[in-house]
Amino acid sequence: MYYSIRHLTKFLYSNSVSESMMETRMHPRSDQNQRCLTFHLSVSPRCRVFSYRDHLANHVHHFDIPGQHGQLVIVAESLVEIQPGHQIPAFLAPDAWVELDNMIAHGDYSEMLFPSEFAAPTPALDLLANELDICRRDDPLLVLQQLNEQIYHLFDYVPQSTKVDSPIDVALSSRMGVCQDFAHIMITLVRSKLRIPCRYVSGYLYHGQSDHDRSANSATHAWVEALLPQLGWVGFDPTNWLVAGDRHIRTAIGRDYADVPPTHGIFRGRAASELTVAVRVTPSQGVTILDQELPVPEDWSTLVEKATALPEQPPLPTRQQQMAQQQQQQ
C-alpha cells in the first residue's frame, strides 16, 4: 500500500509575537514494514529548517522564526509505502514468558519498562488492574490481545474530553478520552503489571469506507507497541481494538506522548495562541515520480490557502476619523 499524507498545523496568535522556536515530528519512519519515499515540510513565515535524528531514530525538524508575525503555519507532506507485516499468530509457545524474560535480561529495554511522565502507575490505575485482573497468565500475546479489547470496551472515545497534558487519572475517572489516553493507560498497565517492554507510537491511521474506526480521520493517531518473543515489536491499537497493520503509519516512537509530540515549541511575546490541525491520509496507486508534485485535492488546497492567508487587519482610519481622535485627545 502507498499512502499520501498531508498534515497542516496552524498557530494563530491574539497579538503579534516577536519570535517562534519550534520542533516537529511529522516525518514518517523508515523501518520494519514501512518506508517513507518523499517528505516535504513547508513553514510560513518562511525560514530555514534544520533536522536531526534522536536516539530512537525519530526524524526531528526544528526552526526559528525571528521578527513580528501573527500566525505560524506548518504543512507536512509525505508519501509512504507499507508492506504487509508478519502474520500474528493466535498464541505463542507455552514457554513464551520465560523467553520474554530472557530477552529483557539480555537486552536494553529499561526505557520502555520504567514509568515515564504520562505513563506512571496511580491508585486509580491499580484499581483498574484489579478490575480487569491484569496479571501474567496464558502467554504474553493472549494477555495483550485481551487487554487491547478490554480498554476498547471500557472507555468511550470522546474528542476534547482530555488535553494533551492530562494525566491518566482524568480518563480513568471519567472512563472517556482519546487515543493518547488509551495508549498511556495500556502502556502503564503493560509495564507495571505484566513487566513487558511497551512504547508509545504516534502517527496516522488510514480510514477506509468499510472501516469502523472510533478515532477521528482528520487528526493524528496514537497506539502502543509491545515486545514479544519471536515477533519483536507488535502494535496494538486500543482505541479501535486493532492489531496495528497496513493502515497504521508510524512517525515517531517514545516512552509516551512527551517524547513524540507532532509540534513542540515556544514563542516570545504576550499573546494567546489558537491551534488548528487538519490531517488527510489518502491511498496512492503507486510510486510517485520524485520530482513530481503530489496531487492536491481541491478542498485541501482551499484549506491551506485559508490557513496561510494573513490575519485580517483593521482598516486604516480615514482623515476625518484621525482629526476626530485628535480633538478628543486635546
C-alpha atoms as a PDB file:
ATOM      1  CA  MET A   1       0.000   0.000   0.000  1.00  0.00           C
ATOM      2  CA  TYR A   2       1.060   3.572  -0.729  1.00  0.00           C
ATOM      3  CA  TYR A   3      -0.321   6.491   1.262  1.00  0.00           C
ATOM      4  CA  SER A   4      -0.171  10.218   0.615  1.00  0.00           C
ATOM      5  CA  ILE A   5      -0.245  12.159   3.902  1.00  0.00           C
ATOM      6  CA  ARG A   6      -0.868  15.863   4.379  1.00  0.00           C
ATOM      7  CA  HIS A   7      -0.663  17.347   7.854  1.00  0.00           C
ATOM      8  CA  LEU A   8      -1.460  21.024   8.417  1.00  0.00           C
ATOM      9  CA  THR A   9      -0.857  22.830  11.715  1.00  0.00           C
ATOM     10  CA  LYS A  10      -1.727  26.484  12.311  1.00  0.00           C
ATOM     11  CA  PHE A  11      -0.971  28.636  15.348  1.00  0.00           C
ATOM     12  CA  LEU A  12      -2.934  31.907  15.342  1.00  0.00           C
ATOM     13  CA  TYR A  13      -1.760  34.468  17.906  1.00  0.00           C
ATOM     14  CA  SER A  14      -4.037  37.059  19.527  1.00  0.00           C
ATOM     15  CA  ASN A  15      -1.195  39.600  19.231  1.00  0.00           C
ATOM     16  CA  SER A  16       1.878  39.612  17.039  1.00  0.00           C
ATOM     17  CA  VAL A  17       4.795  37.707  18.555  1.00  0.00           C
ATOM     18  CA  SER A  18       8.439  38.589  18.016  1.00  0.00           C
ATOM     19  CA  GLU A  19       9.931  35.083  17.689  1.00  0.00           C
ATOM     20  CA  SER A  20       8.847  31.434  17.390  1.00  0.00           C
ATOM     21  CA  MET A  21      11.027  28.362  18.004  1.00  0.00           C
ATOM     22  CA  MET A  22       9.564  25.006  17.063  1.00  0.00           C
ATOM     23  CA  GLU A  23      10.350  21.290  16.795  1.00  0.00           C
ATOM     24  CA  THR A  24       8.224  18.942  14.695  1.00  0.00           C
ATOM     25  CA  ARG A  25       7.988  15.164  14.490  1.00  0.00           C
ATOM     26  CA  MET A  26       5.946  14.611  11.339  1.00  0.00           C
ATOM     27  CA  HIS A  27       8.408  12.719   9.138  1.00  0.00           C
ATOM     28  CA  PRO A  28       7.249   9.073   8.828  1.00  0.00           C
ATOM     29  CA  ARG A  29       9.806   6.475   9.877  1.00  0.00           C
ATOM     30  CA  SER A  30      11.510   4.025   7.532  1.00  0.00           C
ATOM     31  CA  ASP A  31      11.744   0.742   9.415  1.00  0.00           C
ATOM     32  CA  GLN A  32      10.072  -2.624   9.836  1.00  0.00           C
ATOM     33  CA  ASN A  33       7.496  -2.862   7.015  1.00  0.00           C
ATOM     34  CA  GLN A  34       7.284   0.893   6.349  1.00  0.00           C
ATOM     35  CA  ARG A  35       9.317   3.149   4.036  1.00  0.00           C
ATOM     36  CA  CYS A  36       8.988   6.921   3.642  1.00  0.00           C
ATOM     37  CA  LEU A  37       9.573   7.712  -0.039  1.00  0.00           C
ATOM     38  CA  THR A  38       9.189  11.502  -0.009  1.00  0.00           C
ATOM     39  CA  PHE A  39       8.784  14.160   2.660  1.00  0.00           C
ATOM     40  CA  HIS A  40       8.432  17.933   2.443  1.00  0.00           C
ATOM     41  CA  LEU A  41       7.917  20.449   5.240  1.00  0.00           C
ATOM     42  CA  SER A  42       6.652  23.967   4.454  1.00  0.00           C
ATOM     43  CA  VAL A  43       6.689  26.729   7.045  1.00  0.00           C
ATOM     44  CA  SER A  44       5.055  30.166   6.871  1.00  0.00           C
ATOM     45  CA  PRO A  45       6.547  32.703   7.559  1.00  0.00           C
ATOM     46  CA  ARG A  46       9.379  31.249   5.531  1.00  0.00           C
ATOM     47  CA  CYS A  47      12.506  30.214   7.387  1.00  0.00           C
ATOM     48  CA  ARG A  48      15.406  27.787   7.258  1.00  0.00           C
ATOM     49  CA  VAL A  49      14.511  24.322   8.594  1.00  0.00           C
ATOM     50  CA  PHE A  50      17.107  22.012  10.164  1.00  0.00           C
ATOM     51  CA  SER A  51      16.763  18.329  11.021  1.00  0.00           C
ATOM     52  CA  TYR A  52      18.357  15.564  13.070  1.00  0.00           C
ATOM     53  CA  ARG A  53      17.523  12.095  14.393  1.00  0.00           C
ATOM     54  CA  ASP A  54      17.046  11.479  18.101  1.00  0.00           C
ATOM     55  CA  HIS A  55      18.327   8.418  19.986  1.00  0.00           C
ATOM     56  CA  LEU A  56      15.278   6.381  18.864  1.00  0.00           C
ATOM     57  CA  ALA A  57      15.849   7.272  15.185  1.00  0.00           C
ATOM     58  CA  ASN A  58      12.873   9.640  15.016  1.00  0.00           C
ATOM     59  CA  HIS A  59      13.182  12.431  12.459  1.00  0.00           C
ATOM     60  CA  VAL A  60      13.074  15.830  14.170  1.00  0.00           C
ATOM     61  CA  HIS A  61      12.813  19.120  12.252  1.00  0.00           C
ATOM     62  CA  HIS A  62      13.409  22.410  14.021  1.00  0.00           C
ATOM     63  CA  PHE A  63      13.403  26.080  13.081  1.00  0.00           C
ATOM     64  CA  ASP A  64      13.476  29.610  14.485  1.00  0.00           C
ATOM     65  CA  ILE A  65      11.354  32.456  13.103  1.00  0.00           C
ATOM     66  CA  PRO A  66      12.607  35.868  14.268  1.00  0.00           C
ATOM     67  CA  GLY A  67      10.614  39.031  13.617  1.00  0.00           C
ATOM     68  CA  GLN A  68       6.986  40.009  14.125  1.00  0.00           C
ATOM     69  CA  HIS A  69       4.324  37.558  12.934  1.00  0.00           C
ATOM     70  CA  GLY A  70       0.675  36.943  13.775  1.00  0.00           C
ATOM     71  CA  GLN A  71       0.489  33.267  12.860  1.00  0.00           C
ATOM     72  CA  LEU A  72       2.606  30.198  12.157  1.00  0.00           C
ATOM     73  CA  VAL A  73       1.576  27.588   9.579  1.00  0.00           C
ATOM     74  CA  ILE A  74       3.298  24.217   9.108  1.00  0.00           C
ATOM     75  CA  VAL A  75       2.382  21.877   6.236  1.00  0.00           C
ATOM     76  CA  ALA A  76       3.982  18.402   6.115  1.00  0.00           C
ATOM     77  CA  GLU A  77       3.504  16.235   3.007  1.00  0.00           C
ATOM     78  CA  SER A  78       4.795  12.700   2.621  1.00  0.00           C
ATOM     79  CA  LEU A  79       4.452   9.558   0.551  1.00  0.00           C
ATOM     80  CA  VAL A  80       4.791   6.264   2.439  1.00  0.00           C
ATOM     81  CA  GLU A  81       4.960   2.640   1.328  1.00  0.00           C
ATOM     82  CA  ILE A  82       3.600  -0.027   3.668  1.00  0.00           C
ATOM     83  CA  GLN A  83       4.497  -3.675   3.066  1.00  0.00           C
ATOM     84  CA  PRO A  84       2.364  -6.481   4.534  1.00  0.00           C
ATOM     85  CA  GLY A  85       3.663  -7.317   8.001  1.00  0.00           C
ATOM     86  CA  HIS A  86       4.293 -10.728   9.503  1.00  0.00           C
ATOM     87  CA  GLN A  87       1.153 -12.684  10.298  1.00  0.00           C
ATOM     88  CA  ILE A  88       0.435 -12.516  14.022  1.00  0.00           C
ATOM     89  CA  PRO A  89      -0.343 -15.997  15.380  1.00  0.00           C
ATOM     90  CA  ALA A  90      -3.297 -16.751  17.629  1.00  0.00           C
ATOM     91  CA  PHE A  91      -0.989 -17.600  20.556  1.00  0.00           C
ATOM     92  CA  LEU A  92       2.654 -18.162  21.452  1.00  0.00           C
ATOM     93  CA  ALA A  93       4.576 -21.165  22.736  1.00  0.00           C
ATOM     94  CA  PRO A  94       3.978 -22.362  26.333  1.00  0.00           C
ATOM     95  CA  ASP A  95       7.395 -21.037  27.447  1.00  0.00           C
ATOM     96  CA  ALA A  96       6.847 -17.553  25.963  1.00  0.00           C
ATOM     97  CA  TRP A  97       7.021 -15.795  29.355  1.00  0.00           C
ATOM     98  CA  VAL A  98      10.391 -17.394  30.088  1.00  0.00           C
ATOM     99  CA  GLU A  99      11.681 -16.479  26.640  1.00  0.00           C
ATOM    100  CA  LEU A 100      10.452 -12.907  27.097  1.00  0.00           C
ATOM    101  CA  ASP A 101      12.267 -12.576  30.437  1.00  0.00           C
ATOM    102  CA  ASN A 102      15.461 -13.854  28.805  1.00  0.00           C
ATOM    103  CA  MET A 103      15.109 -11.212  26.055  1.00  0.00           C
ATOM    104  CA  ILE A 104      14.702  -8.495  28.679  1.00  0.00           C
ATOM    105  CA  ALA A 105      17.671  -9.750  30.725  1.00  0.00           C
ATOM    106  CA  HIS A 106      19.987  -9.703  27.700  1.00  0.00           C
ATOM    107  CA  GLY A 107      18.644  -6.510  26.062  1.00  0.00           C
ATOM    108  CA  ASP A 108      18.409  -2.812  26.826  1.00  0.00           C
ATOM    109  CA  TYR A 109      14.715  -2.149  27.342  1.00  0.00           C
ATOM    110  CA  SER A 110      14.769  -0.164  30.582  1.00  0.00           C
ATOM    111  CA  GLU A 111      13.313   2.979  28.949  1.00  0.00           C
ATOM    112  CA  MET A 112      10.214   1.050  27.943  1.00  0.00           C
ATOM    113  CA  LEU A 113       9.844  -0.778  31.261  1.00  0.00           C
ATOM    114  CA  PHE A 114      10.046   2.018  33.812  1.00  0.00           C
ATOM    115  CA  PRO A 115       7.387   4.682  34.484  1.00  0.00           C
ATOM    116  CA  SER A 116       7.533   7.846  32.385  1.00  0.00           C
ATOM    117  CA  GLU A 117       5.891  11.281  32.511  1.00  0.00           C
ATOM    118  CA  PHE A 118       2.446  10.243  31.248  1.00  0.00           C
ATOM    119  CA  ALA A 119       2.726   6.510  31.928  1.00  0.00           C
ATOM    120  CA  ALA A 120       3.197   6.201  35.683  1.00  0.00           C
ATOM    121  CA  PRO A 121       1.075   3.958  37.954  1.00  0.00           C
ATOM    122  CA  THR A 122      -1.512   5.607  40.214  1.00  0.00           C
ATOM    123  CA  PRO A 123      -4.026   4.261  42.768  1.00  0.00           C
ATOM    124  CA  ALA A 124      -6.765   4.641  40.133  1.00  0.00           C
ATOM    125  CA  LEU A 125      -4.734   2.531  37.700  1.00  0.00           C
ATOM    126  CA  ASP A 126      -4.186  -0.135  40.358  1.00  0.00           C
ATOM    127  CA  LEU A 127      -7.958  -0.323  40.853  1.00  0.00           C
ATOM    128  CA  LEU A 128      -8.422  -0.779  37.103  1.00  0.00           C
ATOM    129  CA  ALA A 129      -5.778  -3.512  37.029  1.00  0.00           C
ATOM    130  CA  ASN A 130      -7.641  -5.370  39.771  1.00  0.00           C
ATOM    131  CA  GLU A 131     -10.952  -4.877  37.970  1.00  0.00           C
ATOM    132  CA  LEU A 132      -9.542  -6.321  34.746  1.00  0.00           C
ATOM    133  CA  ASP A 133      -7.464  -8.981  36.537  1.00  0.00           C
ATOM    134  CA  ILE A 134      -4.262  -7.932  34.778  1.00  0.00           C
ATOM    135  CA  CYS A 135      -1.556 -10.496  35.545  1.00  0.00           C
ATOM    136  CA  ARG A 136       0.796 -12.908  33.804  1.00  0.00           C
ATOM    137  CA  ARG A 137      -1.136 -15.932  32.563  1.00  0.00           C
ATOM    138  CA  ASP A 138      -1.587 -17.973  29.372  1.00  0.00           C
ATOM    139  CA  ASP A 139       1.003 -16.338  27.116  1.00  0.00           C
ATOM    140  CA  PRO A 140       2.030 -12.680  26.568  1.00  0.00           C
ATOM    141  CA  LEU A 141       0.241 -12.328  23.229  1.00  0.00           C
ATOM    142  CA  LEU A 142      -3.099 -13.601  24.529  1.00  0.00           C
ATOM    143  CA  VAL A 143      -2.939 -11.281  27.554  1.00  0.00           C
ATOM    144  CA  LEU A 144      -2.159  -8.251  25.369  1.00  0.00           C
ATOM    145  CA  GLN A 145      -4.930  -9.122  22.920  1.00  0.00           C
ATOM    146  CA  GLN A 146      -7.394  -9.334  25.783  1.00  0.00           C
ATOM    147  CA  LEU A 147      -6.208  -6.043  27.342  1.00  0.00           C
ATOM    148  CA  ASN A 148      -6.482  -4.319  23.959  1.00  0.00           C
ATOM    149  CA  GLU A 149     -10.135  -5.416  23.766  1.00  0.00           C
ATOM    150  CA  GLN A 150     -10.898  -4.555  27.406  1.00  0.00           C
ATOM    151  CA  ILE A 151      -9.717  -0.952  27.075  1.00  0.00           C
ATOM    152  CA  TYR A 152     -11.737  -0.567  23.876  1.00  0.00           C
ATOM    153  CA  HIS A 153     -14.961  -1.652  25.569  1.00  0.00           C
ATOM    154  CA  LEU A 154     -14.355   0.040  28.916  1.00  0.00           C
ATOM    155  CA  PHE A 155     -13.573   3.567  27.672  1.00  0.00           C
ATOM    156  CA  ASP A 156     -15.614   5.821  25.402  1.00  0.00           C
ATOM    157  CA  TYR A 157     -13.857   7.752  22.656  1.00  0.00           C
ATOM    158  CA  VAL A 158     -14.837  11.412  23.192  1.00  0.00           C
ATOM    159  CA  PRO A 159     -12.794  14.110  21.368  1.00  0.00           C
ATOM    160  CA  GLN A 160     -11.649  17.021  23.533  1.00  0.00           C
ATOM    161  CA  SER A 161     -12.612  15.195  26.732  1.00  0.00           C
ATOM    162  CA  THR A 162      -8.967  15.448  27.805  1.00  0.00           C
ATOM    163  CA  LYS A 163      -5.973  17.657  26.971  1.00  0.00           C
ATOM    164  CA  VAL A 164      -2.553  16.716  25.620  1.00  0.00           C
ATOM    165  CA  ASP A 165      -1.053  17.116  29.103  1.00  0.00           C
ATOM    166  CA  SER A 166      -3.852  15.357  31.013  1.00  0.00           C
ATOM    167  CA  PRO A 167      -2.662  12.639  33.424  1.00  0.00           C
ATOM    168  CA  ILE A 168      -4.165   9.171  33.028  1.00  0.00           C
ATOM    169  CA  ASP A 169      -6.364   9.672  36.096  1.00  0.00           C
ATOM    170  CA  VAL A 170      -8.576  12.077  34.129  1.00  0.00           C
ATOM    171  CA  ALA A 171      -9.543   9.374  31.641  1.00  0.00           C
ATOM    172  CA  LEU A 172      -9.637   6.702  34.355  1.00  0.00           C
ATOM    173  CA  SER A 173     -12.159   8.658  36.429  1.00  0.00           C
ATOM    174  CA  SER A 174     -14.449   9.638  33.528  1.00  0.00           C
ATOM    175  CA  ARG A 175     -13.981   6.415  31.529  1.00  0.00           C
ATOM    176  CA  MET A 176     -13.589   8.507  28.390  1.00  0.00           C
ATOM    177  CA  GLY A 177     -10.738  10.001  26.421  1.00  0.00           C
ATOM    178  CA  VAL A 178      -8.883   9.953  23.106  1.00  0.00           C
ATOM    179  CA  CYS A 179      -6.266   7.696  21.531  1.00  0.00           C
ATOM    180  CA  GLN A 180      -3.456   9.285  23.522  1.00  0.00           C
ATOM    181  CA  ASP A 181      -5.178   8.458  26.829  1.00  0.00           C
ATOM    182  CA  PHE A 182      -5.928   4.860  25.861  1.00  0.00           C
ATOM    183  CA  ALA A 183      -2.317   4.357  24.767  1.00  0.00           C
ATOM    184  CA  HIS A 184      -0.968   5.760  28.051  1.00  0.00           C
ATOM    185  CA  ILE A 185      -3.297   3.567  30.124  1.00  0.00           C
ATOM    186  CA  MET A 186      -2.331   0.424  28.207  1.00  0.00           C
ATOM    187  CA  ILE A 187       1.392   1.241  28.351  1.00  0.00           C
ATOM    188  CA  THR A 188       1.274   1.763  32.119  1.00  0.00           C
ATOM    189  CA  LEU A 189      -0.617  -1.484  32.713  1.00  0.00           C
ATOM    190  CA  VAL A 190       1.698  -3.497  30.447  1.00  0.00           C
ATOM    191  CA  ARG A 191       4.874  -2.129  32.019  1.00  0.00           C
ATOM    192  CA  SER A 192       3.851  -2.184  35.685  1.00  0.00           C
ATOM    193  CA  LYS A 193       1.636  -5.279  35.875  1.00  0.00           C
ATOM    194  CA  LEU A 194       2.969  -7.528  33.097  1.00  0.00           C
ATOM    195  CA  ARG A 195       6.619  -6.366  33.002  1.00  0.00           C
ATOM    196  CA  ILE A 196       6.618  -6.285  29.214  1.00  0.00           C
ATOM    197  CA  PRO A 197       8.572  -3.516  27.411  1.00  0.00           C
ATOM    198  CA  CYS A 198       5.978  -1.216  25.862  1.00  0.00           C
ATOM    199  CA  ARG A 199       6.330   2.029  23.915  1.00  0.00           C
ATOM    200  CA  TYR A 200       4.158   4.846  22.579  1.00  0.00           C
ATOM    201  CA  VAL A 201       3.710   5.284  18.822  1.00  0.00           C
ATOM    202  CA  SER A 202       2.499   8.461  17.168  1.00  0.00           C
ATOM    203  CA  GLY A 203       1.428   8.578  13.547  1.00  0.00           C
ATOM    204  CA  TYR A 204      -1.594   8.345  11.291  1.00  0.00           C
ATOM    205  CA  LEU A 205      -4.370   5.869  10.590  1.00  0.00           C
ATOM    206  CA  TYR A 206      -5.958   5.480   7.169  1.00  0.00           C
ATOM    207  CA  HIS A 207      -9.744   5.278   7.454  1.00  0.00           C
ATOM    208  CA  GLY A 208     -11.320   3.355   4.585  1.00  0.00           C
ATOM    209  CA  GLN A 209     -15.016   3.446   3.762  1.00  0.00           C
ATOM    210  CA  SER A 210     -15.528  -0.088   5.110  1.00  0.00           C
ATOM    211  CA  ASP A 211     -13.540   0.522   8.307  1.00  0.00           C
ATOM    212  CA  HIS A 212     -15.428   1.249  11.520  1.00  0.00           C
ATOM    213  CA  ASP A 213     -12.827   3.169  13.494  1.00  0.00           C
ATOM    214  CA  ARG A 214     -13.647   5.307  16.516  1.00  0.00           C
ATOM    215  CA  SER A 215     -10.716   7.676  16.096  1.00  0.00           C
ATOM    216  CA  ALA A 216     -11.104  10.860  14.057  1.00  0.00           C
ATOM    217  CA  ASN A 217      -9.954  10.735  10.440  1.00  0.00           C
ATOM    218  CA  SER A 218      -8.822  14.382  10.470  1.00  0.00           C
ATOM    219  CA  ALA A 219      -6.280  14.070  13.289  1.00  0.00           C
ATOM    220  CA  THR A 220      -3.071  12.274  14.178  1.00  0.00           C
ATOM    221  CA  HIS A 221      -3.286   8.900  15.890  1.00  0.00           C
ATOM    222  CA  ALA A 222      -1.524   7.034  18.699  1.00  0.00           C
ATOM    223  CA  TRP A 223      -1.174   3.397  19.703  1.00  0.00           C
ATOM    224  CA  VAL A 224       1.320   1.151  21.516  1.00  0.00           C
ATOM    225  CA  GLU A 225       3.947  -1.446  20.649  1.00  0.00           C
ATOM    226  CA  ALA A 226       4.882  -4.291  22.985  1.00  0.00           C
ATOM    227  CA  LEU A 227       7.935  -6.539  22.744  1.00  0.00           C
ATOM    228  CA  LEU A 228       7.098 -10.207  22.198  1.00  0.00           C
ATOM    229  CA  PRO A 229       9.359 -13.251  21.724  1.00  0.00           C
ATOM    230  CA  GLN A 230       9.756 -14.412  18.122  1.00  0.00           C
ATOM    231  CA  LEU A 231       7.652 -11.451  16.894  1.00  0.00           C
ATOM    232  CA  GLY A 232       9.587  -8.393  18.042  1.00  0.00           C
ATOM    233  CA  TRP A 233       7.622  -5.158  18.492  1.00  0.00           C
ATOM    234  CA  VAL A 234       3.908  -5.704  17.846  1.00  0.00           C
ATOM    235  CA  GLY A 235       1.460  -2.797  17.632  1.00  0.00           C
ATOM    236  CA  PHE A 236      -1.861  -2.710  19.482  1.00  0.00           C
ATOM    237  CA  ASP A 237      -4.490  -0.003  18.927  1.00  0.00           C
ATOM    238  CA  PRO A 238      -6.851   0.038  21.950  1.00  0.00           C
ATOM    239  CA  THR A 239      -8.806   2.989  20.541  1.00  0.00           C
ATOM    240  CA  ASN A 240     -10.089   0.859  17.666  1.00  0.00           C
ATOM    241  CA  TRP A 241      -9.487  -2.685  19.009  1.00  0.00           C
ATOM    242  CA  LEU A 242      -6.950  -3.448  16.288  1.00  0.00           C
ATOM    243  CA  VAL A 243      -3.563  -5.041  15.904  1.00  0.00           C
ATOM    244  CA  ALA A 244      -1.539  -2.399  14.049  1.00  0.00           C
ATOM    245  CA  GLY A 245      -1.360  -3.295  10.381  1.00  0.00           C
ATOM    246  CA  ASP A 246      -1.024  -1.767   6.942  1.00  0.00           C
ATOM    247  CA  ARG A 247      -3.354   1.136   7.813  1.00  0.00           C
ATOM    248  CA  HIS A 248      -1.127   2.366  10.648  1.00  0.00           C
ATOM    249  CA  ILE A 249       1.600   4.808   9.581  1.00  0.00           C
ATOM    250  CA  ARG A 250       4.320   5.418  12.178  1.00  0.00           C
ATOM    251  CA  THR A 251       6.007   8.811  12.586  1.00  0.00           C
ATOM    252  CA  ALA A 252       7.752   8.527  15.964  1.00  0.00           C
ATOM    253  CA  ILE A 253       8.216   6.200  18.937  1.00  0.00           C
ATOM    254  CA  GLY A 254       8.949   7.055  22.562  1.00  0.00           C
ATOM    255  CA  ARG A 255       8.163   6.346  26.196  1.00  0.00           C
ATOM    256  CA  ASP A 256       4.938   8.367  25.971  1.00  0.00           C
ATOM    257  CA  TYR A 257       3.467  11.461  24.303  1.00  0.00           C
ATOM    258  CA  ALA A 258       6.005  13.767  25.976  1.00  0.00           C
ATOM    259  CA  ASP A 259       8.763  12.232  23.815  1.00  0.00           C
ATOM    260  CA  VAL A 260       6.989  12.494  20.451  1.00  0.00           C
ATOM    261  CA  PRO A 261       4.551  15.443  20.130  1.00  0.00           C
ATOM    262  CA  PRO A 262       3.984  16.440  16.476  1.00  0.00           C
ATOM    263  CA  THR A 263       4.855  20.035  17.418  1.00  0.00           C
ATOM    264  CA  HIS A 264       6.681  21.402  20.436  1.00  0.00           C
ATOM    265  CA  GLY A 265       7.854  24.980  20.783  1.00  0.00           C
ATOM    266  CA  ILE A 266       7.705  28.381  22.405  1.00  0.00           C
ATOM    267  CA  PHE A 267       7.187  31.962  21.248  1.00  0.00           C
ATOM    268  CA  ARG A 268       8.320  35.335  22.519  1.00  0.00           C
ATOM    269  CA  GLY A 269       5.556  37.827  23.201  1.00  0.00           C
ATOM    270  CA  ARG A 270       2.365  38.457  25.162  1.00  0.00           C
ATOM    271  CA  ALA A 271      -0.331  36.587  23.268  1.00  0.00           C
ATOM    272  CA  ALA A 272      -2.746  33.702  23.424  1.00  0.00           C
ATOM    273  CA  SER A 273      -2.463  31.055  20.710  1.00  0.00           C
ATOM    274  CA  GLU A 274      -5.210  29.153  18.900  1.00  0.00           C
ATOM    275  CA  LEU A 275      -4.249  25.779  17.393  1.00  0.00           C
ATOM    276  CA  THR A 276      -5.831  24.282  14.271  1.00  0.00           C
ATOM    277  CA  VAL A 277      -4.846  20.840  12.934  1.00  0.00           C
ATOM    278  CA  ALA A 278      -6.007  19.073   9.775  1.00  0.00           C
ATOM    279  CA  VAL A 279      -4.815  15.673   8.555  1.00  0.00           C
ATOM    280  CA  ARG A 280      -5.532  13.986   5.228  1.00  0.00           C
ATOM    281  CA  VAL A 281      -4.444  10.390   4.521  1.00  0.00           C
ATOM    282  CA  THR A 282      -5.302   9.062   1.058  1.00  0.00           C
ATOM    283  CA  PRO A 283      -4.249   5.855  -0.710  1.00  0.00           C
ATOM    284  CA  SER A 284      -1.983   6.138  -3.739  1.00  0.00           C
ATOM    285  CA  GLN A 285      -1.960   3.792  -6.719  1.00  0.00           C
ATOM    286  CA  GLY A 286       1.799   3.567  -6.927  1.00  0.00           C
ATOM    287  CA  VAL A 287       5.131   5.276  -6.553  1.00  0.00           C
ATOM    288  CA  THR A 288       5.012   8.948  -7.445  1.00  0.00           C
ATOM    289  CA  ILE A 289       7.861  10.333  -9.537  1.00  0.00           C
ATOM    290  CA  LEU A 290      10.121  12.052  -7.029  1.00  0.00           C
ATOM    291  CA  ASP A 291      10.285  15.409  -8.803  1.00  0.00           C
ATOM    292  CA  GLN A 292       6.550  15.468  -9.477  1.00  0.00           C
ATOM    293  CA  GLU A 293       4.243  17.262  -7.069  1.00  0.00           C
ATOM    294  CA  LEU A 294       1.732  15.113  -5.248  1.00  0.00           C
ATOM    295  CA  PRO A 295      -1.826  15.675  -6.463  1.00  0.00           C
ATOM    296  CA  VAL A 296      -3.631  18.008  -4.079  1.00  0.00           C
ATOM    297  CA  PRO A 297      -7.408  17.691  -3.637  1.00  0.00           C
ATOM    298  CA  GLU A 298      -9.311  20.895  -4.285  1.00  0.00           C
ATOM    299  CA  ASP A 299     -10.708  21.128  -0.766  1.00  0.00           C
ATOM    300  CA  TRP A 300      -7.222  20.649   0.720  1.00  0.00           C
ATOM    301  CA  SER A 301      -5.846  23.470  -1.448  1.00  0.00           C
ATOM    302  CA  THR A 302      -8.606  25.748  -0.171  1.00  0.00           C
ATOM    303  CA  LEU A 303      -7.805  24.762   3.428  1.00  0.00           C
ATOM    304  CA  VAL A 304      -4.091  25.519   3.027  1.00  0.00           C
ATOM    305  CA  GLU A 305      -4.826  28.810   1.256  1.00  0.00           C
ATOM    306  CA  LYS A 306      -7.080  29.935   4.097  1.00  0.00           C
ATOM    307  CA  ALA A 307      -4.549  28.837   6.711  1.00  0.00           C
ATOM    308  CA  THR A 308      -1.627  30.669   5.129  1.00  0.00           C
ATOM    309  CA  ALA A 309      -3.605  33.853   4.470  1.00  0.00           C
ATOM    310  CA  LEU A 310      -2.515  36.661   6.750  1.00  0.00           C
ATOM    311  CA  PRO A 311      -4.878  37.557   9.603  1.00  0.00           C
ATOM    312  CA  GLU A 312      -7.311  40.296   8.723  1.00  0.00           C
ATOM    313  CA  GLN A 313      -6.096  43.757   9.734  1.00  0.00           C
ATOM    314  CA  PRO A 314      -8.456  46.543  10.803  1.00  0.00           C
ATOM    315  CA  PRO A 315      -8.896  49.238   8.098  1.00  0.00           C
ATOM    316  CA  LEU A 316      -6.790  52.375   8.431  1.00  0.00           C
ATOM    317  CA  PRO A 317      -8.707  55.330   9.900  1.00  0.00           C
ATOM    318  CA  THR A 318      -9.870  57.991   7.457  1.00  0.00           C
ATOM    319  CA  ARG A 319      -8.665  61.595   7.606  1.00  0.00           C
ATOM    320  CA  GLN A 320     -11.878  62.672   9.316  1.00  0.00           C
ATOM    321  CA  GLN A 321     -11.559  59.891  11.933  1.00  0.00           C
ATOM    322  CA  GLN A 322      -7.960  60.919  12.649  1.00  0.00           C
ATOM    323  CA  MET A 323      -8.993  64.567  13.162  1.00  0.00           C
ATOM    324  CA  ALA A 324     -11.843  63.485  15.470  1.00  0.00           C
ATOM    325  CA  GLN A 325      -9.428  61.340  17.531  1.00  0.00           C
ATOM    326  CA  GLN A 326      -7.003  64.283  17.829  1.00  0.00           C
ATOM    327  CA  GLN A 327      -9.786  66.571  19.031  1.00  0.00           C
ATOM    328  CA  GLN A 328     -10.823  64.035  21.685  1.00  0.00           C
ATOM    329  CA  GLN A 329      -7.260  63.803  22.966  1.00  0.00           C
ATOM    330  CA  GLN A 330      -6.945  67.590  23.346  1.00  0.00           C
END
